[in-house]
All heavy atoms as atom14 arrays in JSON, in Angstrom:
{
  "sequence": "DALDDAEAAALHIGYQTGWFGLHRRAHLQEGETLLVHAAAGGVGSAA",
  "atom14_mask": [
    [1, 1, 1, 1, 1, 1, 1, 1, 0, 0, 0, 0, 0, 0],
    [1, 1, 1, 1, 1, 0, 0, 0, 0, 0, 0, 0, 0, 0],
    [1, 1, 1, 1, 1, 1, 1, 1, 0, 0, 0, 0, 0, 0],
    [1, 1, 1, 1, 1, 1, 1, 1, 0, 0, 0, 0, 0, 0],
    [1, 1, 1, 1, 1, 1, 1, 1, 0, 0, 0, 0, 0, 0],
    [1, 1, 1, 1, 1, 0, 0, 0, 0, 0, 0, 0, 0, 0],
    [1, 1, 1, 1, 1, 1, 1, 1, 1, 0, 0, 0, 0, 0],
    [1, 1, 1, 1, 1, 0, 0, 0, 0, 0, 0, 0, 0, 0],
    [1, 1, 1, 1, 1, 0, 0, 0, 0, 0, 0, 0, 0, 0],
    [1, 1, 1, 1, 1, 0, 0, 0, 0, 0, 0, 0, 0, 0],
    [1, 1, 1, 1, 1, 1, 1, 1, 0, 0, 0, 0, 0, 0],
    [1, 1, 1, 1, 1, 1, 1, 1, 1, 1, 0, 0, 0, 0],
    [1, 1, 1, 1, 1, 1, 1, 1, 0, 0, 0, 0, 0, 0],
    [1, 1, 1, 1, 0, 0, 0, 0, 0, 0, 0, 0, 0, 0],
    [1, 1, 1, 1, 1, 1, 1, 1, 1, 1, 1, 1, 0, 0],
    [1, 1, 1, 1, 1, 1, 1, 1, 1, 0, 0, 0, 0, 0],
    [1, 1, 1, 1, 1, 1, 1, 0, 0, 0, 0, 0, 0, 0],
    [1, 1, 1, 1, 0, 0, 0, 0, 0, 0, 0, 0, 0, 0],
    [1, 1, 1, 1, 1, 1, 1, 1, 1, 1, 1, 1, 1, 1],
    [1, 1, 1, 1, 1, 1, 1, 1, 1, 1, 1, 0, 0, 0],
    [1, 1, 1, 1, 0, 0, 0, 0, 0, 0, 0, 0, 0, 0],
    [1, 1, 1, 1, 1, 1, 1, 1, 0, 0, 0, 0, 0, 0],
    [1, 1, 1, 1, 1, 1, 1, 1, 1, 1, 0, 0, 0, 0],
    [1, 1, 1, 1, 1, 1, 1, 1, 1, 1, 1, 0, 0, 0],
    [1, 1, 1, 1, 1, 1, 1, 1, 1, 1, 1, 0, 0, 0],
    [1, 1, 1, 1, 1, 0, 0, 0, 0, 0, 0, 0, 0, 0],
    [1, 1, 1, 1, 1, 1, 1, 1, 1, 1, 0, 0, 0, 0],
    [1, 1, 1, 1, 1, 1, 1, 1, 0, 0, 0, 0, 0, 0],
    [1, 1, 1, 1, 1, 1, 1, 1, 1, 0, 0, 0, 0, 0],
    [1, 1, 1, 1, 1, 1, 1, 1, 1, 0, 0, 0, 0, 0],
    [1, 1, 1, 1, 0, 0, 0, 0, 0, 0, 0, 0, 0, 0],
    [1, 1, 1, 1, 1, 1, 1, 1, 1, 0, 0, 0, 0, 0],
    [1, 1, 1, 1, 1, 1, 1, 0, 0, 0, 0, 0, 0, 0],
    [1, 1, 1, 1, 1, 1, 1, 1, 0, 0, 0, 0, 0, 0],
    [1, 1, 1, 1, 1, 1, 1, 1, 0, 0, 0, 0, 0, 0],
    [1, 1, 1, 1, 1, 1, 1, 0, 0, 0, 0, 0, 0, 0],
    [1, 1, 1, 1, 1, 1, 1, 1, 1, 1, 0, 0, 0, 0],
    [1, 1, 1, 1, 1, 0, 0, 0, 0, 0, 0, 0, 0, 0],
    [1, 1, 1, 1, 1, 0, 0, 0, 0, 0, 0, 0, 0, 0],
    [1, 1, 1, 1, 1, 0, 0, 0, 0, 0, 0, 0, 0, 0],
    [1, 1, 1, 1, 0, 0, 0, 0, 0, 0, 0, 0, 0, 0],
    [1, 1, 1, 1, 0, 0, 0, 0, 0, 0, 0, 0, 0, 0],
    [1, 1, 1, 1, 1, 1, 1, 0, 0, 0, 0, 0, 0, 0],
    [1, 1, 1, 1, 0, 0, 0, 0, 0, 0, 0, 0, 0, 0],
    [1, 1, 1, 1, 1, 1, 0, 0, 0, 0, 0, 0, 0, 0],
    [1, 1, 1, 1, 1, 0, 0, 0, 0, 0, 0, 0, 0, 0],
    [1, 1, 1, 1, 1, 0, 0, 0, 0, 0, 0, 0, 0, 0]
  ],
  "atom14_positions": [
    [[-220.54, 170.53, 61.2], [-220.73, 171.83, 60.52], [-220.72, 171.68, 59.02], [-221.3, 172.5, 58.31], [-219.61, 172.8, 60.95], [-219.7, 173.21, 62.42], [-220.84, 173.16, 62.95], [-218.66, 173.57, 63.0], [0.0, 0.0, 0.0], [0.0, 0.0, 0.0], [0.0, 0.0, 0.0], [0.0, 0.0, 0.0], [0.0, 0.0, 0.0], [0.0, 0.0, 0.0]],
    [[-220.06, 170.65, 58.48], [-219.94, 170.46, 57.05], [-221.23, 170.01, 56.39], [-221.33, 170.0, 55.17], [-218.81, 169.48, 56.73], [0.0, 0.0, 0.0], [0.0, 0.0, 0.0], [0.0, 0.0, 0.0], [0.0, 0.0, 0.0], [0.0, 0.0, 0.0], [0.0, 0.0, 0.0], [0.0, 0.0, 0.0], [0.0, 0.0, 0.0], [0.0, 0.0, 0.0]],
    [[-222.22, 169.61, 57.22], [-223.47, 169.05, 56.65], [-224.66, 169.89, 57.05], [-224.73, 170.44, 58.15], [-223.66, 167.6, 57.2], [-222.54, 166.61, 56.93], [-222.87, 165.29, 57.57], [-222.26, 166.45, 55.42], [0.0, 0.0, 0.0], [0.0, 0.0, 0.0], [0.0, 0.0, 0.0], [0.0, 0.0, 0.0], [0.0, 0.0, 0.0], [0.0, 0.0, 0.0]],
    [[-225.64, 169.99, 56.14], [-226.88, 170.67, 56.49], [-227.72, 169.74, 57.37], [-227.34, 168.61, 57.65], [-227.61, 171.16, 55.25], [-228.13, 170.04, 54.35], [-228.39, 168.93, 54.83], [-228.31, 170.31, 53.14], [0.0, 0.0, 0.0], [0.0, 0.0, 0.0], [0.0, 0.0, 0.0], [0.0, 0.0, 0.0], [0.0, 0.0, 0.0], [0.0, 0.0, 0.0]],
    [[-228.9, 170.22, 57.77], [-229.7, 169.46, 58.73], [-230.1, 168.08, 58.22], [-230.0, 167.08, 58.94], [-230.96, 170.25, 59.11], [-230.64, 171.55, 59.87], [-229.56, 171.62, 60.47], [-231.5, 172.45, 59.87], [0.0, 0.0, 0.0], [0.0, 0.0, 0.0], [0.0, 0.0, 0.0], [0.0, 0.0, 0.0], [0.0, 0.0, 0.0], [0.0, 0.0, 0.0]],
    [[-230.56, 168.03, 56.97], [-231.01, 166.73, 56.42], [-229.85, 165.77, 56.26], [-229.95, 164.58, 56.56], [-231.69, 166.95, 55.07], [0.0, 0.0, 0.0], [0.0, 0.0, 0.0], [0.0, 0.0, 0.0], [0.0, 0.0, 0.0], [0.0, 0.0, 0.0], [0.0, 0.0, 0.0], [0.0, 0.0, 0.0], [0.0, 0.0, 0.0], [0.0, 0.0, 0.0]],
    [[-228.69, 166.28, 55.79], [-227.49, 165.46, 55.66], [-227.01, 164.96, 57.01], [-226.62, 163.82, 57.19], [-226.41, 166.22, 54.94], [-226.71, 166.53, 53.49], [-225.78, 167.58, 52.92], [-225.11, 168.3, 53.69], [-225.72, 167.72, 51.67], [0.0, 0.0, 0.0], [0.0, 0.0, 0.0], [0.0, 0.0, 0.0], [0.0, 0.0, 0.0], [0.0, 0.0, 0.0]],
    [[-227.05, 165.88, 57.99], [-226.58, 165.5, 59.32], [-227.46, 164.43, 59.92], [-226.98, 163.46, 60.53], [-226.56, 166.73, 60.23], [0.0, 0.0, 0.0], [0.0, 0.0, 0.0], [0.0, 0.0, 0.0], [0.0, 0.0, 0.0], [0.0, 0.0, 0.0], [0.0, 0.0, 0.0], [0.0, 0.0, 0.0], [0.0, 0.0, 0.0], [0.0, 0.0, 0.0]],
    [[-228.79, 164.54, 59.75], [-229.7, 163.53, 60.28], [-229.38, 162.17, 59.68], [-229.47, 161.14, 60.35], [-231.16, 163.92, 59.99], [0.0, 0.0, 0.0], [0.0, 0.0, 0.0], [0.0, 0.0, 0.0], [0.0, 0.0, 0.0], [0.0, 0.0, 0.0], [0.0, 0.0, 0.0], [0.0, 0.0, 0.0], [0.0, 0.0, 0.0], [0.0, 0.0, 0.0]],
    [[-228.96, 162.16, 58.4], [-228.67, 160.92, 57.7], [-227.3, 160.36, 58.04], [-226.98, 159.23, 57.64], [-228.77, 161.13, 56.19], [0.0, 0.0, 0.0], [0.0, 0.0, 0.0], [0.0, 0.0, 0.0], [0.0, 0.0, 0.0], [0.0, 0.0, 0.0], [0.0, 0.0, 0.0], [0.0, 0.0, 0.0], [0.0, 0.0, 0.0], [0.0, 0.0, 0.0]],
    [[-226.48, 161.11, 58.76], [-225.15, 160.64, 59.1], [-225.14, 159.64, 60.26], [-224.2, 158.9, 60.42], [-224.23, 161.83, 59.44], [-222.75, 161.48, 59.69], [-222.04, 161.22, 58.38], [-222.05, 162.59, 60.46], [0.0, 0.0, 0.0], [0.0, 0.0, 0.0], [0.0, 0.0, 0.0], [0.0, 0.0, 0.0], [0.0, 0.0, 0.0], [0.0, 0.0, 0.0]],
    [[-226.2, 159.65, 61.01], [-226.15, 158.97, 62.31], [-226.2, 157.45, 62.2], [-225.15, 156.8, 62.17], [-227.31, 159.49, 63.18], [-227.16, 159.19, 64.63], [-228.13, 159.43, 65.55], [-226.14, 158.65, 65.33], [-227.73, 159.09, 66.75], [-226.53, 158.59, 66.64], [0.0, 0.0, 0.0], [0.0, 0.0, 0.0], [0.0, 0.0, 0.0], [0.0, 0.0, 0.0]],
    [[-227.37, 156.85, 62.1], [-227.51, 155.38, 62.2], [-226.85, 154.67, 61.04], [-226.07, 153.73, 61.21], [-228.98, 154.97, 62.34], [-229.56, 155.53, 63.63], [-229.13, 153.47, 62.29], [-231.06, 155.3, 63.8], [0.0, 0.0, 0.0], [0.0, 0.0, 0.0], [0.0, 0.0, 0.0], [0.0, 0.0, 0.0], [0.0, 0.0, 0.0], [0.0, 0.0, 0.0]],
    [[-227.12, 155.11, 59.8], [-226.6, 154.42, 58.62], [-225.07, 154.45, 58.57], [-224.45, 153.42, 58.29], [0.0, 0.0, 0.0], [0.0, 0.0, 0.0], [0.0, 0.0, 0.0], [0.0, 0.0, 0.0], [0.0, 0.0, 0.0], [0.0, 0.0, 0.0], [0.0, 0.0, 0.0], [0.0, 0.0, 0.0], [0.0, 0.0, 0.0], [0.0, 0.0, 0.0]],
    [[-224.48, 155.58, 58.83], [-223.01, 155.67, 58.76], [-222.35, 155.05, 59.97], [-221.28, 154.46, 59.86], [-222.6, 157.15, 58.59], [-222.73, 157.61, 57.17], [-223.96, 158.04, 56.68], [-221.64, 157.62, 56.29], [-224.09, 158.44, 55.36], [-221.76, 158.04, 54.99], [-222.99, 158.45, 54.52], [-223.13, 158.85, 53.21], [0.0, 0.0, 0.0], [0.0, 0.0, 0.0]],
    [[-222.97, 155.19, 61.14], [-222.44, 154.48, 62.31], [-222.47, 152.96, 62.06], [-221.5, 152.25, 62.36], [-223.27, 154.84, 63.55], [-222.98, 156.22, 64.11], [-222.05, 156.2, 65.31], [-221.79, 155.17, 65.9], [-221.53, 157.38, 65.66], [0.0, 0.0, 0.0], [0.0, 0.0, 0.0], [0.0, 0.0, 0.0], [0.0, 0.0, 0.0], [0.0, 0.0, 0.0]],
    [[-223.58, 152.47, 61.54], [-223.71, 151.06, 61.23], [-222.63, 150.63, 60.25], [-221.98, 149.58, 60.41], [-225.11, 150.76, 60.68], [-226.08, 151.08, 61.66], [-225.24, 149.25, 60.33], [0.0, 0.0, 0.0], [0.0, 0.0, 0.0], [0.0, 0.0, 0.0], [0.0, 0.0, 0.0], [0.0, 0.0, 0.0], [0.0, 0.0, 0.0], [0.0, 0.0, 0.0]],
    [[-222.44, 151.45, 59.19], [-221.41, 151.13, 58.2], [-220.05, 151.11, 58.79], [-219.22, 150.21, 58.53], [0.0, 0.0, 0.0], [0.0, 0.0, 0.0], [0.0, 0.0, 0.0], [0.0, 0.0, 0.0], [0.0, 0.0, 0.0], [0.0, 0.0, 0.0], [0.0, 0.0, 0.0], [0.0, 0.0, 0.0], [0.0, 0.0, 0.0], [0.0, 0.0, 0.0]],
    [[-219.73, 152.11, 59.62], [-218.38, 152.2, 60.19], [-218.12, 151.01, 61.13], [-217.07, 150.35, 61.03], [-218.21, 153.5, 60.97], [-216.8, 153.77, 61.36], [-215.85, 154.49, 60.67], [-216.15, 153.3, 62.55], [-214.67, 154.5, 61.36], [-214.82, 153.78, 62.51], [-216.55, 152.53, 63.64], [-213.9, 153.51, 63.51], [-215.63, 152.25, 64.65], [-214.34, 152.75, 64.58]],
    [[-219.06, 150.69, 62.0], [-218.87, 149.56, 62.92], [-218.82, 148.24, 62.12], [-218.01, 147.35, 62.46], [-220.0, 149.51, 63.95], [-219.75, 150.36, 65.16], [-220.15, 151.69, 65.18], [-219.11, 149.86, 66.27], [-219.94, 152.49, 66.28], [-218.88, 150.62, 67.41], [-219.28, 151.95, 67.41], [0.0, 0.0, 0.0], [0.0, 0.0, 0.0], [0.0, 0.0, 0.0]],
    [[-219.65, 148.11, 61.12], [-219.65, 146.89, 60.34], [-218.39, 146.66, 59.57], [-217.8, 145.57, 59.6], [0.0, 0.0, 0.0], [0.0, 0.0, 0.0], [0.0, 0.0, 0.0], [0.0, 0.0, 0.0], [0.0, 0.0, 0.0], [0.0, 0.0, 0.0], [0.0, 0.0, 0.0], [0.0, 0.0, 0.0], [0.0, 0.0, 0.0], [0.0, 0.0, 0.0]],
    [[-217.91, 147.71, 58.89], [-216.73, 147.56, 58.03], [-215.43, 147.6, 58.82], [-214.47, 146.88, 58.48], [-216.72, 148.68, 56.98], [-217.91, 148.67, 55.99], [-217.76, 149.83, 55.0], [-218.02, 147.35, 55.28], [0.0, 0.0, 0.0], [0.0, 0.0, 0.0], [0.0, 0.0, 0.0], [0.0, 0.0, 0.0], [0.0, 0.0, 0.0], [0.0, 0.0, 0.0]],
    [[-215.36, 148.4, 59.85], [-214.08, 148.55, 60.55], [-214.0, 147.77, 61.86], [-213.05, 147.03, 62.03], [-213.83, 150.07, 60.81], [-213.62, 150.85, 59.56], [-212.52, 150.67, 58.75], [-214.39, 151.78, 58.96], [-212.6, 151.48, 57.7], [-213.73, 152.16, 57.81], [0.0, 0.0, 0.0], [0.0, 0.0, 0.0], [0.0, 0.0, 0.0], [0.0, 0.0, 0.0]],
    [[-214.95, 147.93, 62.73], [-214.88, 147.22, 64.03], [-215.11, 145.74, 63.87], [-214.45, 144.93, 64.51], [-215.88, 147.83, 64.99], [-215.95, 147.11, 66.34], [-215.81, 148.04, 67.47], [-215.99, 147.36, 68.76], [-215.94, 147.97, 69.92], [-215.69, 149.26, 69.99], [-216.11, 147.31, 71.04], [0.0, 0.0, 0.0], [0.0, 0.0, 0.0], [0.0, 0.0, 0.0]],
    [[-216.05, 145.35, 63.01], [-216.4, 143.95, 62.87], [-215.58, 143.26, 61.79], [-214.93, 142.25, 62.02], [-217.88, 143.77, 62.59], [-218.8, 144.35, 63.67], [-218.73, 143.56, 64.96], [-219.53, 142.33, 64.84], [-219.11, 141.12, 65.25], [-217.91, 140.95, 65.74], [-219.92, 140.08, 65.12], [0.0, 0.0, 0.0], [0.0, 0.0, 0.0], [0.0, 0.0, 0.0]],
    [[-215.58, 143.8, 60.56], [-214.95, 143.11, 59.44], [-213.49, 143.52, 59.23], [-212.77, 142.84, 58.48], [-215.73, 143.38, 58.15], [0.0, 0.0, 0.0], [0.0, 0.0, 0.0], [0.0, 0.0, 0.0], [0.0, 0.0, 0.0], [0.0, 0.0, 0.0], [0.0, 0.0, 0.0], [0.0, 0.0, 0.0], [0.0, 0.0, 0.0], [0.0, 0.0, 0.0]],
    [[-213.04, 144.58, 59.84], [-211.65, 145.04, 59.74], [-211.23, 145.15, 58.25], [-210.22, 144.61, 57.81], [-210.7, 144.1, 60.46], [-211.0, 143.99, 61.94], [-210.78, 145.03, 62.82], [-211.54, 142.98, 62.68], [-211.15, 144.68, 64.05], [-211.62, 143.44, 63.98], [0.0, 0.0, 0.0], [0.0, 0.0, 0.0], [0.0, 0.0, 0.0], [0.0, 0.0, 0.0]],
    [[-212.04, 145.89, 57.51], [-211.79, 146.13, 56.1], [-210.42, 146.8, 55.92], [-210.09, 147.78, 56.6], [-212.88, 147.03, 55.51], [-212.75, 147.42, 54.03], [-212.94, 146.21, 53.13], [-213.77, 148.51, 53.7], [0.0, 0.0, 0.0], [0.0, 0.0, 0.0], [0.0, 0.0, 0.0], [0.0, 0.0, 0.0], [0.0, 0.0, 0.0], [0.0, 0.0, 0.0]],
    [[-209.64, 146.3, 54.98], [-208.28, 146.81, 54.75], [-208.18, 147.48, 53.37], [-208.93, 147.14, 52.44], [-207.26, 145.65, 54.77], [-207.23, 144.91, 56.1], [-206.83, 145.8, 57.28], [-205.79, 146.47, 57.24], [-207.67, 145.78, 58.32], [0.0, 0.0, 0.0], [0.0, 0.0, 0.0], [0.0, 0.0, 0.0], [0.0, 0.0, 0.0], [0.0, 0.0, 0.0]],
    [[-207.29, 148.43, 53.28], [-207.06, 149.11, 52.0], [-206.68, 148.07, 50.94], [-205.88, 147.17, 51.19], [-205.92, 150.14, 52.17], [-205.64, 150.95, 50.9], [-204.56, 151.99, 51.11], [-204.07, 152.11, 52.26], [-204.22, 152.69, 50.16], [0.0, 0.0, 0.0], [0.0, 0.0, 0.0], [0.0, 0.0, 0.0], [0.0, 0.0, 0.0], [0.0, 0.0, 0.0]],
    [[-207.27, 148.21, 49.77], [-206.98, 147.3, 48.67], [-207.88, 146.08, 48.63], [-207.86, 145.36, 47.62], [0.0, 0.0, 0.0], [0.0, 0.0, 0.0], [0.0, 0.0, 0.0], [0.0, 0.0, 0.0], [0.0, 0.0, 0.0], [0.0, 0.0, 0.0], [0.0, 0.0, 0.0], [0.0, 0.0, 0.0], [0.0, 0.0, 0.0], [0.0, 0.0, 0.0]],
    [[-208.64, 145.82, 49.67], [-209.58, 144.68, 49.65], [-210.79, 145.01, 48.79], [-211.07, 146.19, 48.48], [-210.0, 144.3, 51.06], [-208.93, 143.63, 51.88], [-209.44, 143.0, 53.18], [-210.24, 143.65, 53.85], [-209.04, 141.86, 53.49], [0.0, 0.0, 0.0], [0.0, 0.0, 0.0], [0.0, 0.0, 0.0], [0.0, 0.0, 0.0], [0.0, 0.0, 0.0]],
    [[-211.54, 143.96, 48.44], [-212.77, 144.15, 47.66], [-213.97, 144.06, 48.59], [-214.12, 143.11, 49.33], [-212.89, 143.06, 46.57], [-211.79, 143.17, 45.67], [-214.2, 143.22, 45.81], [0.0, 0.0, 0.0], [0.0, 0.0, 0.0], [0.0, 0.0, 0.0], [0.0, 0.0, 0.0], [0.0, 0.0, 0.0], [0.0, 0.0, 0.0], [0.0, 0.0, 0.0]],
    [[-214.81, 145.09, 48.52], [-216.01, 145.17, 49.33], [-217.22, 145.04, 48.41], [-217.36, 145.77, 47.42], [-216.06, 146.5, 50.07], [-217.39, 146.89, 50.75], [-217.73, 145.96, 51.85], [-217.33, 148.34, 51.23], [0.0, 0.0, 0.0], [0.0, 0.0, 0.0], [0.0, 0.0, 0.0], [0.0, 0.0, 0.0], [0.0, 0.0, 0.0], [0.0, 0.0, 0.0]],
    [[-218.11, 144.13, 48.73], [-219.38, 143.94, 48.0], [-220.49, 144.49, 48.86], [-220.7, 144.05, 49.99], [-219.59, 142.46, 47.71], [-220.92, 142.06, 47.03], [-221.02, 142.69, 45.65], [-221.07, 140.55, 46.96], [0.0, 0.0, 0.0], [0.0, 0.0, 0.0], [0.0, 0.0, 0.0], [0.0, 0.0, 0.0], [0.0, 0.0, 0.0], [0.0, 0.0, 0.0]],
    [[-221.25, 145.45, 48.33], [-222.33, 146.1, 49.07], [-223.65, 145.81, 48.36], [-223.85, 146.2, 47.19], [-222.11, 147.62, 49.16], [-223.27, 148.27, 49.93], [-220.79, 147.94, 49.85], [0.0, 0.0, 0.0], [0.0, 0.0, 0.0], [0.0, 0.0, 0.0], [0.0, 0.0, 0.0], [0.0, 0.0, 0.0], [0.0, 0.0, 0.0], [0.0, 0.0, 0.0]],
    [[-224.58, 145.19, 49.06], [-225.92, 144.99, 48.54], [-226.78, 146.22, 48.79], [-226.57, 146.93, 49.78], [-226.56, 143.74, 49.17], [-225.95, 142.47, 48.72], [-226.22, 141.9, 47.49], [-225.06, 141.63, 49.32], [-225.53, 140.78, 47.35], [-224.82, 140.58, 48.45], [0.0, 0.0, 0.0], [0.0, 0.0, 0.0], [0.0, 0.0, 0.0], [0.0, 0.0, 0.0]],
    [[-227.74, 146.45, 47.94], [-228.6, 147.64, 48.02], [-227.75, 148.9, 48.07], [-227.95, 149.78, 48.93], [-229.53, 147.56, 49.2], [0.0, 0.0, 0.0], [0.0, 0.0, 0.0], [0.0, 0.0, 0.0], [0.0, 0.0, 0.0], [0.0, 0.0, 0.0], [0.0, 0.0, 0.0], [0.0, 0.0, 0.0], [0.0, 0.0, 0.0], [0.0, 0.0, 0.0]],
    [[-226.8, 148.98, 47.17], [-225.76, 150.03, 47.21], [-226.29, 151.43, 47.0], [-225.64, 152.41, 47.37], [-224.68, 149.73, 46.19], [0.0, 0.0, 0.0], [0.0, 0.0, 0.0], [0.0, 0.0, 0.0], [0.0, 0.0, 0.0], [0.0, 0.0, 0.0], [0.0, 0.0, 0.0], [0.0, 0.0, 0.0], [0.0, 0.0, 0.0], [0.0, 0.0, 0.0]],
    [[-227.49, 151.57, 46.43], [-228.05, 152.9, 46.2], [-229.0, 153.31, 47.3], [-229.51, 154.44, 47.27], [-228.77, 152.94, 44.83], [0.0, 0.0, 0.0], [0.0, 0.0, 0.0], [0.0, 0.0, 0.0], [0.0, 0.0, 0.0], [0.0, 0.0, 0.0], [0.0, 0.0, 0.0], [0.0, 0.0, 0.0], [0.0, 0.0, 0.0], [0.0, 0.0, 0.0]],
    [[-229.23, 152.43, 48.27], [-230.15, 152.75, 49.34], [-229.47, 153.53, 50.47], [-228.29, 153.84, 50.39], [0.0, 0.0, 0.0], [0.0, 0.0, 0.0], [0.0, 0.0, 0.0], [0.0, 0.0, 0.0], [0.0, 0.0, 0.0], [0.0, 0.0, 0.0], [0.0, 0.0, 0.0], [0.0, 0.0, 0.0], [0.0, 0.0, 0.0], [0.0, 0.0, 0.0]],
    [[-230.22, 153.82, 51.52], [-229.67, 154.61, 52.6], [-228.52, 153.93, 53.33], [-227.45, 154.52, 53.54], [0.0, 0.0, 0.0], [0.0, 0.0, 0.0], [0.0, 0.0, 0.0], [0.0, 0.0, 0.0], [0.0, 0.0, 0.0], [0.0, 0.0, 0.0], [0.0, 0.0, 0.0], [0.0, 0.0, 0.0], [0.0, 0.0, 0.0], [0.0, 0.0, 0.0]],
    [[-228.7, 152.67, 53.73], [-227.65, 151.93, 54.42], [-226.51, 151.59, 53.47], [-225.34, 151.75, 53.81], [-228.25, 150.66, 55.05], [-227.15, 149.78, 55.63], [-229.26, 151.0, 56.13], [0.0, 0.0, 0.0], [0.0, 0.0, 0.0], [0.0, 0.0, 0.0], [0.0, 0.0, 0.0], [0.0, 0.0, 0.0], [0.0, 0.0, 0.0], [0.0, 0.0, 0.0]],
    [[-226.85, 151.12, 52.27], [-225.84, 150.73, 51.29], [-224.99, 151.87, 50.83], [-223.76, 151.75, 50.69], [0.0, 0.0, 0.0], [0.0, 0.0, 0.0], [0.0, 0.0, 0.0], [0.0, 0.0, 0.0], [0.0, 0.0, 0.0], [0.0, 0.0, 0.0], [0.0, 0.0, 0.0], [0.0, 0.0, 0.0], [0.0, 0.0, 0.0], [0.0, 0.0, 0.0]],
    [[-225.6, 153.03, 50.56], [-224.84, 154.18, 50.08], [-223.82, 154.64, 51.09], [-222.7, 155.07, 50.72], [-225.77, 155.34, 49.71], [-226.52, 155.8, 50.82], [0.0, 0.0, 0.0], [0.0, 0.0, 0.0], [0.0, 0.0, 0.0], [0.0, 0.0, 0.0], [0.0, 0.0, 0.0], [0.0, 0.0, 0.0], [0.0, 0.0, 0.0], [0.0, 0.0, 0.0]],
    [[-224.14, 154.54, 52.38], [-223.18, 154.88, 53.43], [-221.99, 153.93, 53.4], [-220.83, 154.37, 53.5], [-223.86, 154.84, 54.8], [0.0, 0.0, 0.0], [0.0, 0.0, 0.0], [0.0, 0.0, 0.0], [0.0, 0.0, 0.0], [0.0, 0.0, 0.0], [0.0, 0.0, 0.0], [0.0, 0.0, 0.0], [0.0, 0.0, 0.0], [0.0, 0.0, 0.0]],
    [[-222.26, 152.65, 53.22], [-221.2, 151.65, 53.18], [-220.3, 151.83, 51.98], [-219.09, 151.67, 52.05], [-221.79, 150.24, 53.19], [0.0, 0.0, 0.0], [0.0, 0.0, 0.0], [0.0, 0.0, 0.0], [0.0, 0.0, 0.0], [0.0, 0.0, 0.0], [0.0, 0.0, 0.0], [0.0, 0.0, 0.0], [0.0, 0.0, 0.0], [0.0, 0.0, 0.0]]
  ]
}
């Protein structure tokens, strides 16, 4: 509900990929340093 249609469409693959990559796979911890390539792009901005 917090997102409009375009924002909601963009939440799916990119953010799911980011969440699984950072948390399920890499187990990113608070205080660690994260390096994101293509940080202004769709996939990178989500990460």
